[in-house]
Amino acid sequence: MGQKKIISYFVIGVLFYIGAFFLFFRSDRIEKNYQFDGVVQKIRYSDKHTPKVLINGEFYAVTFPNEDFQKKIEQGDSLIKKKNSRAYKLIKRRTGEVIFSR
């Protein structure tokens, strides 16, 4: 392999990782700024099975809690999240069970 090919692959790799880190930190900042407390009116799942919940007329993507927590969210449950926190509190509609994300 020529020297120019190695350098071009290296540059492409570095740009890819910079872009990935930028997108990760951007999504982290967006989710940390979420603040809501209400009943899940509607729930949609993306192609990657990430839930988007409708609370008080606005959709929120629930990306950081583990997959087990995400699967427990149902329409009618109460979901609470404070600003600048990654912790979610889920209160099940039928049982009143309180589940915290980790």
N, C-alpha and C. Protein backbone atom coordinates (compact mmCIF):
# COMPACT_ATOMS: atom_id res chain seq x y z
N MET A 1 0.85 -1.17 0.00
CA MET A 1 0.00 0.00 0.00
C MET A 1 0.89 1.23 0.00
N GLY A 2 0.47 2.21 -0.76
CA GLY A 2 1.25 3.43 -0.84
C GLY A 2 1.07 4.31 0.38
N GLN A 3 2.04 5.18 0.57
CA GLN A 3 2.02 6.11 1.71
C GLN A 3 0.79 7.02 1.65
N LYS A 4 0.40 7.46 0.45
CA LYS A 4 -0.76 8.35 0.31
C LYS A 4 -2.05 7.64 0.72
N LYS A 5 -2.19 6.35 0.39
CA LYS A 5 -3.38 5.61 0.77
C LYS A 5 -3.48 5.47 2.28
N ILE A 6 -2.39 5.20 2.92
CA ILE A 6 -2.38 5.05 4.38
C ILE A 6 -2.78 6.36 5.04
N ILE A 7 -2.22 7.46 4.56
CA ILE A 7 -2.55 8.77 5.12
C ILE A 7 -4.02 9.10 4.89
N SER A 8 -4.54 8.81 3.70
CA SER A 8 -5.94 9.13 3.42
C SER A 8 -6.87 8.28 4.30
N TYR A 9 -6.57 6.99 4.51
CA TYR A 9 -7.37 6.15 5.41
C TYR A 9 -7.31 6.68 6.84
N PHE A 10 -6.15 7.09 7.26
CA PHE A 10 -5.99 7.63 8.61
C PHE A 10 -6.83 8.91 8.78
N VAL A 11 -6.78 9.80 7.80
CA VAL A 11 -7.55 11.05 7.87
C VAL A 11 -9.04 10.75 7.89
N ILE A 12 -9.49 9.83 7.05
CA ILE A 12 -10.91 9.47 7.03
C ILE A 12 -11.33 8.87 8.38
N GLY A 13 -10.49 8.02 8.95
CA GLY A 13 -10.78 7.43 10.26
C GLY A 13 -10.88 8.48 11.35
N VAL A 14 -9.95 9.40 11.37
CA VAL A 14 -9.96 10.47 12.37
C VAL A 14 -11.22 11.32 12.23
N LEU A 15 -11.57 11.70 11.00
CA LEU A 15 -12.78 12.50 10.77
C LEU A 15 -14.03 11.75 11.22
N PHE A 16 -14.06 10.44 10.96
CA PHE A 16 -15.20 9.63 11.39
C PHE A 16 -15.35 9.66 12.91
N TYR A 17 -14.26 9.45 13.63
CA TYR A 17 -14.33 9.44 15.09
C TYR A 17 -14.65 10.82 15.66
N ILE A 18 -14.16 11.86 15.06
CA ILE A 18 -14.50 13.21 15.51
C ILE A 18 -16.00 13.45 15.34
N GLY A 19 -16.53 13.05 14.18
CA GLY A 19 -17.97 13.20 13.94
C GLY A 19 -18.80 12.38 14.91
N ALA A 20 -18.37 11.15 15.19
CA ALA A 20 -19.10 10.29 16.12
C ALA A 20 -19.11 10.88 17.53
N PHE A 21 -17.96 11.37 17.98
CA PHE A 21 -17.90 12.00 19.30
C PHE A 21 -18.77 13.25 19.36
N PHE A 22 -18.75 14.05 18.31
CA PHE A 22 -19.57 15.26 18.27
C PHE A 22 -21.05 14.90 18.39
N LEU A 23 -21.51 13.91 17.63
CA LEU A 23 -22.92 13.50 17.68
C LEU A 23 -23.29 12.92 19.04
N PHE A 24 -22.39 12.15 19.64
CA PHE A 24 -22.67 11.58 20.95
C PHE A 24 -22.83 12.68 22.00
N PHE A 25 -21.90 13.61 22.06
CA PHE A 25 -21.98 14.67 23.06
C PHE A 25 -23.15 15.61 22.81
N ARG A 26 -23.49 15.80 21.56
CA ARG A 26 -24.65 16.64 21.23
C ARG A 26 -25.93 15.98 21.73
N SER A 27 -26.09 14.69 21.48
CA SER A 27 -27.30 13.99 21.94
C SER A 27 -27.32 13.90 23.46
N ASP A 28 -26.17 13.75 24.08
CA ASP A 28 -26.08 13.73 25.53
C ASP A 28 -26.56 15.05 26.11
N ARG A 29 -26.10 16.15 25.53
CA ARG A 29 -26.50 17.48 26.01
C ARG A 29 -27.99 17.72 25.81
N ILE A 30 -28.52 17.28 24.68
CA ILE A 30 -29.95 17.46 24.41
C ILE A 30 -30.77 16.69 25.44
N GLU A 31 -30.40 15.43 25.69
CA GLU A 31 -31.18 14.64 26.64
C GLU A 31 -31.03 15.15 28.07
N LYS A 32 -29.86 15.64 28.44
CA LYS A 32 -29.69 16.19 29.79
C LYS A 32 -30.56 17.43 29.99
N ASN A 33 -30.84 18.17 28.94
CA ASN A 33 -31.66 19.37 29.05
C ASN A 33 -33.16 19.07 29.11
N TYR A 34 -33.54 17.83 28.83
CA TYR A 34 -34.96 17.46 28.96
C TYR A 34 -35.40 17.61 30.41
N GLN A 35 -36.61 18.11 30.58
CA GLN A 35 -37.24 18.12 31.90
C GLN A 35 -38.72 17.93 31.67
N PHE A 36 -39.26 16.87 32.24
CA PHE A 36 -40.69 16.63 32.10
C PHE A 36 -41.20 15.84 33.29
N ASP A 37 -42.49 15.91 33.47
CA ASP A 37 -43.18 15.19 34.54
C ASP A 37 -44.62 15.05 34.07
N GLY A 38 -44.97 13.87 33.61
CA GLY A 38 -46.33 13.71 33.14
C GLY A 38 -46.62 12.29 32.70
N VAL A 39 -47.81 12.14 32.16
CA VAL A 39 -48.29 10.84 31.71
C VAL A 39 -47.86 10.62 30.27
N VAL A 40 -47.40 9.41 29.97
CA VAL A 40 -47.02 9.05 28.61
C VAL A 40 -48.30 8.93 27.80
N GLN A 41 -48.52 9.90 26.91
CA GLN A 41 -49.73 9.91 26.10
C GLN A 41 -49.62 9.00 24.89
N LYS A 42 -48.41 8.87 24.37
CA LYS A 42 -48.18 8.06 23.18
C LYS A 42 -46.73 7.61 23.22
N ILE A 43 -46.46 6.45 22.63
CA ILE A 43 -45.09 5.97 22.56
C ILE A 43 -44.84 5.40 21.16
N ARG A 44 -43.70 5.81 20.60
CA ARG A 44 -43.28 5.32 19.28
C ARG A 44 -41.87 4.78 19.42
N TYR A 45 -41.57 3.76 18.63
CA TYR A 45 -40.23 3.18 18.65
C TYR A 45 -39.56 3.42 17.31
N SER A 46 -38.29 3.81 17.36
CA SER A 46 -37.53 4.02 16.14
C SER A 46 -37.10 2.67 15.59
N ASP A 47 -36.44 2.67 14.46
CA ASP A 47 -35.96 1.42 13.87
C ASP A 47 -34.91 0.74 14.74
N LYS A 48 -34.31 1.47 15.66
CA LYS A 48 -33.33 0.90 16.59
C LYS A 48 -33.98 0.60 17.94
N HIS A 49 -35.30 0.61 18.01
CA HIS A 49 -36.09 0.30 19.20
C HIS A 49 -35.88 1.30 20.32
N THR A 50 -35.54 2.53 19.98
CA THR A 50 -35.43 3.60 20.97
C THR A 50 -36.80 4.25 21.10
N PRO A 51 -37.34 4.31 22.32
CA PRO A 51 -38.68 4.89 22.47
C PRO A 51 -38.66 6.41 22.41
N LYS A 52 -39.69 6.95 21.77
CA LYS A 52 -39.99 8.38 21.82
C LYS A 52 -41.35 8.49 22.48
N VAL A 53 -41.40 9.24 23.57
CA VAL A 53 -42.64 9.34 24.33
C VAL A 53 -43.24 10.74 24.18
N LEU A 54 -44.56 10.79 24.11
CA LEU A 54 -45.28 12.06 24.04
C LEU A 54 -45.78 12.36 25.45
N ILE A 55 -45.26 13.44 26.02
CA ILE A 55 -45.64 13.88 27.36
C ILE A 55 -45.97 15.36 27.28
N ASN A 56 -47.14 15.72 27.74
CA ASN A 56 -47.60 17.12 27.74
C ASN A 56 -47.48 17.74 26.35
N GLY A 57 -47.78 16.96 25.31
CA GLY A 57 -47.81 17.49 23.95
C GLY A 57 -46.46 17.59 23.26
N GLU A 58 -45.40 17.05 23.85
CA GLU A 58 -44.07 17.13 23.25
C GLU A 58 -43.40 15.76 23.28
N PHE A 59 -42.72 15.40 22.17
CA PHE A 59 -42.02 14.12 22.09
C PHE A 59 -40.62 14.24 22.67
N TYR A 60 -40.23 13.20 23.41
CA TYR A 60 -38.90 13.11 24.00
C TYR A 60 -38.32 11.74 23.67
N ALA A 61 -37.08 11.70 23.22
CA ALA A 61 -36.40 10.43 22.96
C ALA A 61 -35.76 9.95 24.26
N VAL A 62 -36.03 8.72 24.62
CA VAL A 62 -35.48 8.14 25.84
C VAL A 62 -34.36 7.20 25.41
N THR A 63 -33.13 7.73 25.36
CA THR A 63 -32.03 6.97 24.78
C THR A 63 -31.04 6.41 25.80
N PHE A 64 -30.83 7.06 26.93
CA PHE A 64 -29.74 6.65 27.80
C PHE A 64 -30.06 5.58 28.82
N PRO A 65 -31.28 5.44 29.33
CA PRO A 65 -31.50 4.31 30.24
C PRO A 65 -31.32 2.99 29.51
N ASN A 66 -31.07 1.94 30.28
CA ASN A 66 -30.83 0.64 29.65
C ASN A 66 -32.08 0.13 28.93
N GLU A 67 -31.89 -0.87 28.09
CA GLU A 67 -32.97 -1.39 27.25
C GLU A 67 -34.10 -1.99 28.08
N ASP A 68 -33.77 -2.61 29.20
CA ASP A 68 -34.79 -3.19 30.06
C ASP A 68 -35.75 -2.11 30.57
N PHE A 69 -35.21 -0.96 30.96
CA PHE A 69 -36.04 0.15 31.41
C PHE A 69 -36.91 0.67 30.27
N GLN A 70 -36.32 0.80 29.09
CA GLN A 70 -37.05 1.32 27.94
C GLN A 70 -38.24 0.44 27.58
N LYS A 71 -38.10 -0.86 27.71
CA LYS A 71 -39.18 -1.78 27.36
C LYS A 71 -40.34 -1.73 28.34
N LYS A 72 -40.11 -1.23 29.55
CA LYS A 72 -41.15 -1.17 30.57
C LYS A 72 -42.08 0.03 30.40
N ILE A 73 -41.70 0.99 29.60
CA ILE A 73 -42.51 2.19 29.42
C ILE A 73 -43.73 1.85 28.58
N GLU A 74 -44.91 2.18 29.09
CA GLU A 74 -46.16 1.93 28.39
C GLU A 74 -47.02 3.19 28.41
N GLN A 75 -47.95 3.25 27.48
CA GLN A 75 -48.88 4.37 27.43
C GLN A 75 -49.70 4.40 28.72
N GLY A 76 -49.84 5.57 29.32
CA GLY A 76 -50.58 5.72 30.56
C GLY A 76 -49.69 5.77 31.79
N ASP A 77 -48.45 5.31 31.67
CA ASP A 77 -47.51 5.37 32.79
C ASP A 77 -47.04 6.82 32.98
N SER A 78 -46.60 7.15 34.18
CA SER A 78 -46.04 8.46 34.45
C SER A 78 -44.52 8.37 34.34
N LEU A 79 -43.92 9.37 33.70
CA LEU A 79 -42.48 9.41 33.52
C LEU A 79 -41.96 10.77 33.97
N ILE A 80 -40.93 10.75 34.78
CA ILE A 80 -40.38 11.98 35.35
C ILE A 80 -38.89 12.03 35.07
N LYS A 81 -38.42 13.20 34.64
CA LYS A 81 -36.99 13.44 34.44
C LYS A 81 -36.68 14.88 34.79
N LYS A 82 -35.65 15.08 35.57
CA LYS A 82 -35.20 16.43 35.95
C LYS A 82 -34.11 16.90 35.00
N LYS A 83 -34.02 18.20 34.83
CA LYS A 83 -32.99 18.80 33.98
C LYS A 83 -31.60 18.52 34.55
N ASN A 84 -30.62 18.36 33.66
CA ASN A 84 -29.22 18.08 34.01
C ASN A 84 -29.05 16.77 34.77
N SER A 85 -29.91 15.82 34.51
CA SER A 85 -29.82 14.51 35.13
C SER A 85 -30.10 13.46 34.06
N ARG A 86 -29.56 12.27 34.26
CA ARG A 86 -29.85 11.16 33.36
C ARG A 86 -30.83 10.18 33.99
N ALA A 87 -31.23 10.44 35.21
CA ALA A 87 -32.12 9.52 35.92
C ALA A 87 -33.57 9.74 35.53
N TYR A 88 -34.25 8.65 35.28
CA TYR A 88 -35.67 8.67 34.96
C TYR A 88 -36.42 7.94 36.07
N LYS A 89 -37.63 8.39 36.33
CA LYS A 89 -38.49 7.72 37.30
C LYS A 89 -39.77 7.34 36.57
N LEU A 90 -40.08 6.06 36.56
CA LEU A 90 -41.26 5.54 35.87
C LEU A 90 -42.23 5.02 36.91
N ILE A 91 -43.47 5.48 36.84
CA ILE A 91 -44.51 5.01 37.75
C ILE A 91 -45.55 4.29 36.90
N LYS A 92 -45.67 2.99 37.13
CA LYS A 92 -46.57 2.16 36.33
C LYS A 92 -48.03 2.51 36.65
N ARG A 93 -48.83 2.60 35.61
CA ARG A 93 -50.22 3.03 35.73
C ARG A 93 -51.05 2.03 36.52
N ARG A 94 -50.93 0.77 36.23
CA ARG A 94 -51.82 -0.22 36.83
C ARG A 94 -51.40 -0.64 38.23
N THR A 95 -50.12 -0.75 38.48
CA THR A 95 -49.65 -1.28 39.77
C THR A 95 -49.14 -0.21 40.71
N GLY A 96 -48.78 0.95 40.19
CA GLY A 96 -48.19 1.99 41.02
C GLY A 96 -46.73 1.72 41.33
N GLU A 97 -46.17 0.69 40.72
CA GLU A 97 -44.76 0.35 40.93
C GLU A 97 -43.87 1.49 40.45
N VAL A 98 -42.86 1.81 41.22
CA VAL A 98 -41.92 2.88 40.88
C VAL A 98 -40.61 2.23 40.44
N ILE A 99 -40.16 2.60 39.22
CA ILE A 99 -38.95 2.04 38.66
C ILE A 99 -38.00 3.19 38.33
N PHE A 100 -36.75 3.09 38.79
CA PHE A 100 -35.75 4.10 38.51
C PHE A 100 -34.79 3.58 37.46
N SER A 101 -34.37 4.44 36.56
CA SER A 101 -33.36 4.05 35.57
C SER A 101 -32.00 4.11 36.23
N ARG A 102 -31.04 3.49 35.58
CA ARG A 102 -29.68 3.49 36.13
C ARG A 102 -28.73 4.12 35.19
